[in-house]
Amino acid sequence: MSSSADSLGLASASQLARSNPVRFPGESAEYRKARTELLAEEIDLRRRIERVAEMRRALPPGGVVPQDYLFQGIDGPVKFSELFGKHGTLITYNWMFGPKRERPCPMCTSLLSAYDGEMPDILQRVAFAVIATSPIDRMAAFARERGWRHLPLYSSGGNDFNRDYAGEKPDGGDNPAFNVFRRDGETIRHFWAAEMSPGTADPGQDPRGAPDAMPIWNLLDMTPEGRGKDWYPQLQY
């Protein structure tokens, strides 16, 4: 990353970290030295995240979406092309709440609970759809139970969307999946999907994207305990 920063004429992360004037009551010289080294890594990480985002935005055109899938929304049938609304970009999240599940996935639910609060802001920039194979009435009932107010919910029961874009098999379980689509005139193309899977995970870690899409994990990563390996969100406490 340092060579990339040099090519852009940026100050080195170490230089920026050393110029940081922040100090806290009672901290030792040992703490400040270690914190400055960590700050340099954090600056490098920020720059790397931005570089990855630039590479993502520069992807060549993805595949054309094979059909105008028909979903069931709260207010009735909705075609895939209609999910975009006024926007040219659509983010979809496949919620693990298929008809074979008695209750939805707690991890998905924790993630979507965070997104529900952010949704009015998100929808200013892009369209968003939460998709599951359960009937829409069942999805809506759980949303009311959870107190969700803003998530756009759609049932894909009866179409091939989950198979095509979440890797689900008709007789198998449901998978979580992020996908991004782009509309250009009458053509809709797949833009990007989260492709980190158990096969890409490092030893001892859960498979996850980078940056992590779960706000709770990012917050816990700031703590001395970290995210841990023996706790996950639950539907009830």
Protein backbone atom coordinates (compact mmCIF):
# COMPACT_ATOMS: atom_id res chain seq x y z
CA MET A 1 0.00 0.00 0.00
CA SER A 2 2.89 2.37 0.68
CA SER A 3 4.03 2.26 -2.97
CA SER A 4 0.48 3.04 -4.07
CA ALA A 5 0.35 5.94 -1.63
CA ASP A 6 3.68 7.21 -2.93
CA SER A 7 2.39 7.12 -6.52
CA LEU A 8 -0.58 9.25 -5.47
CA GLY A 9 1.64 11.75 -3.70
CA LEU A 10 0.18 10.88 -0.29
CA ALA A 11 2.05 11.17 2.97
CA SER A 12 3.01 7.79 4.41
CA ALA A 13 0.71 6.23 6.97
CA SER A 14 3.54 6.28 9.52
CA GLN A 15 4.09 9.99 8.95
CA LEU A 16 0.40 10.74 9.41
CA ALA A 17 0.24 8.59 12.52
CA ARG A 18 3.24 10.30 14.10
CA SER A 19 1.67 13.72 13.50
CA ASN A 20 -1.48 12.74 15.40
CA PRO A 21 -1.80 15.14 18.39
CA VAL A 22 -4.34 13.09 20.37
CA ARG A 23 -3.34 12.07 23.89
CA PHE A 24 -5.45 10.67 26.73
CA PRO A 25 -5.15 11.05 30.51
CA GLY A 26 -2.80 8.61 32.19
CA GLU A 27 -1.52 6.87 29.05
CA SER A 28 2.03 5.55 29.16
CA ALA A 29 4.78 6.07 26.61
CA GLU A 30 4.52 2.35 25.85
CA TYR A 31 0.81 2.71 25.11
CA ARG A 32 1.33 5.75 22.87
CA LYS A 33 4.10 4.03 20.89
CA ALA A 34 1.95 0.96 20.26
CA ARG A 35 -1.11 3.09 19.50
CA THR A 36 0.83 5.13 16.94
CA GLU A 37 1.98 1.94 15.22
CA LEU A 38 -1.61 0.70 15.20
CA LEU A 39 -2.84 4.03 13.81
CA ALA A 40 -0.45 3.68 10.88
CA GLU A 41 -1.95 0.25 10.16
CA GLU A 42 -5.47 1.68 10.43
CA ILE A 43 -4.60 4.40 7.91
CA ASP A 44 -3.17 1.78 5.56
CA LEU A 45 -6.32 -0.31 5.99
CA ARG A 46 -8.53 2.69 5.16
CA ARG A 47 -6.53 3.27 2.00
CA ARG A 48 -6.73 -0.39 1.07
CA ILE A 49 -10.49 -0.40 1.55
CA GLU A 50 -10.78 2.60 -0.77
CA ARG A 51 -8.54 0.88 -3.34
CA VAL A 52 -10.73 -2.23 -3.27
CA ALA A 53 -13.84 -0.06 -3.70
CA GLU A 54 -12.24 1.60 -6.72
CA MET A 55 -11.45 -1.80 -8.24
CA ARG A 56 -15.04 -2.90 -7.62
CA ARG A 57 -16.42 0.20 -9.34
CA ALA A 58 -14.13 -0.48 -12.32
CA LEU A 59 -15.40 -4.02 -12.94
CA PRO A 60 -16.35 -4.80 -16.56
CA PRO A 61 -20.06 -5.24 -17.28
CA GLY A 62 -21.50 -8.33 -15.60
CA GLY A 63 -23.90 -10.85 -17.05
CA VAL A 64 -27.35 -9.86 -18.24
CA VAL A 65 -30.06 -10.92 -15.79
CA PRO A 66 -31.73 -13.90 -17.51
CA GLN A 67 -35.36 -13.05 -16.75
CA ASP A 68 -37.61 -10.44 -15.19
CA TYR A 69 -38.33 -12.49 -12.06
CA LEU A 70 -41.75 -12.09 -10.49
CA PHE A 71 -41.78 -11.49 -6.72
CA GLN A 72 -44.55 -11.04 -4.20
CA GLY A 73 -44.31 -7.79 -2.27
CA ILE A 74 -46.37 -6.39 0.58
CA ASP A 75 -48.67 -4.71 -1.94
CA GLY A 76 -48.79 -7.53 -4.49
CA PRO A 77 -46.76 -8.91 -7.42
CA VAL A 78 -43.62 -7.00 -8.39
CA LYS A 79 -41.26 -7.65 -11.30
CA PHE A 80 -37.53 -7.61 -10.74
CA SER A 81 -37.16 -4.60 -13.02
CA GLU A 82 -39.62 -2.70 -10.82
CA LEU A 83 -37.48 -3.20 -7.71
CA PHE A 84 -35.13 -0.47 -8.98
CA GLY A 85 -37.77 2.24 -8.62
CA LYS A 86 -36.17 5.57 -9.55
CA HIS A 87 -32.62 4.24 -9.17
CA GLY A 88 -30.14 2.68 -11.57
CA THR A 89 -28.63 0.43 -8.90
CA LEU A 90 -30.28 -2.27 -6.80
CA ILE A 91 -28.80 -4.09 -3.80
CA THR A 92 -30.44 -7.39 -2.83
CA TYR A 93 -29.96 -9.40 0.33
CA ASN A 94 -31.10 -13.02 0.49
CA TRP A 95 -32.57 -13.50 3.95
CA MET A 96 -32.29 -17.03 5.34
CA PHE A 97 -35.98 -17.43 6.08
CA GLY A 98 -37.20 -20.20 3.83
CA PRO A 99 -40.51 -22.04 4.35
CA LYS A 100 -38.68 -24.97 5.99
CA ARG A 101 -37.39 -22.74 8.80
CA GLU A 102 -39.47 -22.41 11.93
CA ARG A 103 -37.72 -19.10 12.65
CA PRO A 104 -35.37 -16.96 10.55
CA CYS A 105 -31.58 -17.03 10.80
CA PRO A 106 -30.52 -14.97 13.86
CA MET A 107 -27.40 -13.62 12.09
CA CYS A 108 -29.39 -12.43 9.07
CA THR A 109 -31.96 -10.93 11.42
CA SER A 110 -29.32 -9.01 13.38
CA LEU A 111 -27.89 -7.63 10.16
CA LEU A 112 -31.29 -6.63 8.80
CA SER A 113 -32.28 -5.00 12.08
CA ALA A 114 -29.29 -2.68 11.72
CA TYR A 115 -30.13 -1.99 8.08
CA ASP A 116 -33.75 -1.20 8.91
CA GLY A 117 -32.63 1.89 10.78
CA GLU A 118 -30.32 2.93 7.93
CA MET A 119 -32.80 2.19 5.16
CA PRO A 120 -34.29 5.71 4.78
CA ASP A 121 -30.75 6.96 4.10
CA ILE A 122 -29.76 4.02 1.87
CA LEU A 123 -32.83 4.48 -0.30
CA GLN A 124 -31.75 8.02 -1.14
CA ARG A 125 -28.85 6.56 -3.13
CA VAL A 126 -29.85 3.08 -4.29
CA ALA A 127 -32.74 0.63 -4.29
CA PHE A 128 -32.68 -2.23 -1.78
CA ALA A 129 -34.63 -5.47 -1.55
CA VAL A 130 -34.72 -8.13 1.15
CA ILE A 131 -35.59 -11.44 -0.50
CA ALA A 132 -36.61 -14.77 1.02
CA THR A 133 -38.47 -17.83 -0.22
CA SER A 134 -41.07 -17.76 2.58
CA PRO A 135 -44.52 -16.38 1.73
CA ILE A 136 -44.66 -12.61 1.98
CA ASP A 137 -47.29 -12.69 4.74
CA ARG A 138 -44.91 -14.73 6.89
CA MET A 139 -42.05 -12.33 6.20
CA ALA A 140 -44.23 -9.32 7.02
CA ALA A 141 -45.46 -10.90 10.25
CA PHE A 142 -41.91 -11.39 11.49
CA ALA A 143 -40.99 -7.85 10.45
CA ARG A 144 -43.82 -6.55 12.64
CA GLU A 145 -42.69 -8.77 15.52
CA ARG A 146 -39.15 -7.44 15.18
CA GLY A 147 -40.27 -3.83 14.89
CA TRP A 148 -38.88 -3.31 11.39
CA ARG A 149 -40.38 -0.31 9.65
CA HIS A 150 -38.37 0.40 6.52
CA LEU A 151 -37.04 -2.80 4.92
CA PRO A 152 -38.51 -3.54 1.47
CA LEU A 153 -39.51 -7.23 1.67
CA TYR A 154 -40.14 -9.56 -1.27
CA SER A 155 -40.90 -13.25 -1.52
CA SER A 156 -39.08 -15.18 -4.24
CA GLY A 157 -41.09 -18.34 -3.62
CA GLY A 158 -41.91 -19.78 -7.02
CA ASN A 159 -39.14 -18.10 -9.03
CA ASP A 160 -35.48 -18.96 -9.70
CA PHE A 161 -33.82 -15.87 -8.22
CA ASN A 162 -32.43 -17.61 -5.14
CA ARG A 163 -31.10 -20.45 -7.24
CA ASP A 164 -29.50 -18.12 -9.77
CA TYR A 165 -28.02 -15.53 -7.39
CA ALA A 166 -27.71 -17.21 -3.97
CA GLY A 167 -26.60 -20.68 -5.07
CA GLU A 168 -29.60 -22.35 -3.46
CA LYS A 169 -30.82 -25.76 -4.54
CA PRO A 170 -34.56 -26.50 -4.78
CA ASP A 171 -34.39 -29.19 -2.08
CA GLY A 172 -31.59 -27.62 -0.04
CA GLY A 173 -31.37 -24.93 2.59
CA ASP A 174 -31.27 -21.20 2.10
CA ASN A 175 -28.12 -19.12 1.77
CA PRO A 176 -27.31 -15.54 2.71
CA ALA A 177 -26.22 -13.49 -0.29
CA PHE A 178 -25.49 -9.90 -1.23
CA ASN A 179 -25.89 -8.99 -4.91
CA VAL A 180 -25.73 -5.67 -6.71
CA PHE A 181 -27.41 -5.06 -10.06
CA ARG A 182 -27.18 -2.16 -12.49
CA ARG A 183 -29.85 -1.00 -14.92
CA ASP A 184 -28.84 0.65 -18.18
CA GLY A 185 -31.92 1.53 -20.20
CA GLU A 186 -33.86 -1.70 -20.71
CA THR A 187 -30.86 -3.90 -19.86
CA ILE A 188 -30.20 -5.11 -16.33
CA ARG A 189 -26.84 -6.63 -15.50
CA HIS A 190 -25.34 -8.24 -12.47
CA PHE A 191 -22.62 -5.95 -11.11
CA TRP A 192 -21.13 -7.65 -8.04
CA ALA A 193 -21.78 -10.34 -5.45
CA ALA A 194 -20.21 -11.16 -2.11
CA GLU A 195 -18.18 -14.24 -3.03
CA MET A 196 -16.27 -14.91 0.21
CA SER A 197 -17.34 -18.38 1.36
CA PRO A 198 -16.14 -21.05 3.82
CA GLY A 199 -13.54 -21.99 1.21
CA THR A 200 -11.97 -18.51 1.39
CA ALA A 201 -12.00 -18.23 5.20
CA ASP A 202 -8.75 -18.22 7.17
CA PRO A 203 -8.26 -20.88 9.87
CA GLY A 204 -10.26 -20.18 13.00
CA GLN A 205 -12.38 -17.47 11.41
CA ASP A 206 -15.96 -17.39 10.21
CA PRO A 207 -16.32 -16.71 6.49
CA ARG A 208 -17.08 -13.05 6.01
CA GLY A 209 -16.65 -10.25 3.54
CA ALA A 210 -14.19 -7.39 3.72
CA PRO A 211 -15.14 -4.93 4.95
CA ASP A 212 -17.55 -6.88 7.15
CA ALA A 213 -21.17 -6.12 6.34
CA MET A 214 -22.25 -6.79 9.95
CA PRO A 215 -22.14 -3.54 11.97
CA ILE A 216 -22.09 -5.46 15.25
CA TRP A 217 -18.82 -7.25 14.38
CA ASN A 218 -17.10 -4.02 13.37
CA LEU A 219 -18.12 -2.50 16.69
CA LEU A 220 -16.96 -5.50 18.72
CA ASP A 221 -13.64 -5.50 16.86
CA MET A 222 -12.92 -2.18 18.59
CA THR A 223 -13.10 -3.80 22.05
CA PRO A 224 -10.53 -5.73 24.13
CA GLU A 225 -12.68 -8.89 23.91
CA GLY A 226 -13.13 -8.68 20.14
CA ARG A 227 -15.95 -10.52 18.42
CA GLY A 228 -15.04 -13.81 20.11
CA LYS A 229 -15.78 -17.33 18.93
CA ASP A 230 -18.43 -18.44 21.40
CA TRP A 231 -21.23 -15.89 20.90
CA TYR A 232 -23.66 -15.06 18.13
CA PRO A 233 -26.77 -12.89 17.97
CA GLN A 234 -30.04 -14.50 18.99
CA LEU A 235 -33.64 -13.77 18.13
CA GLN A 236 -34.50 -13.39 21.83
CA TYR A 237 -32.62 -12.80 25.07
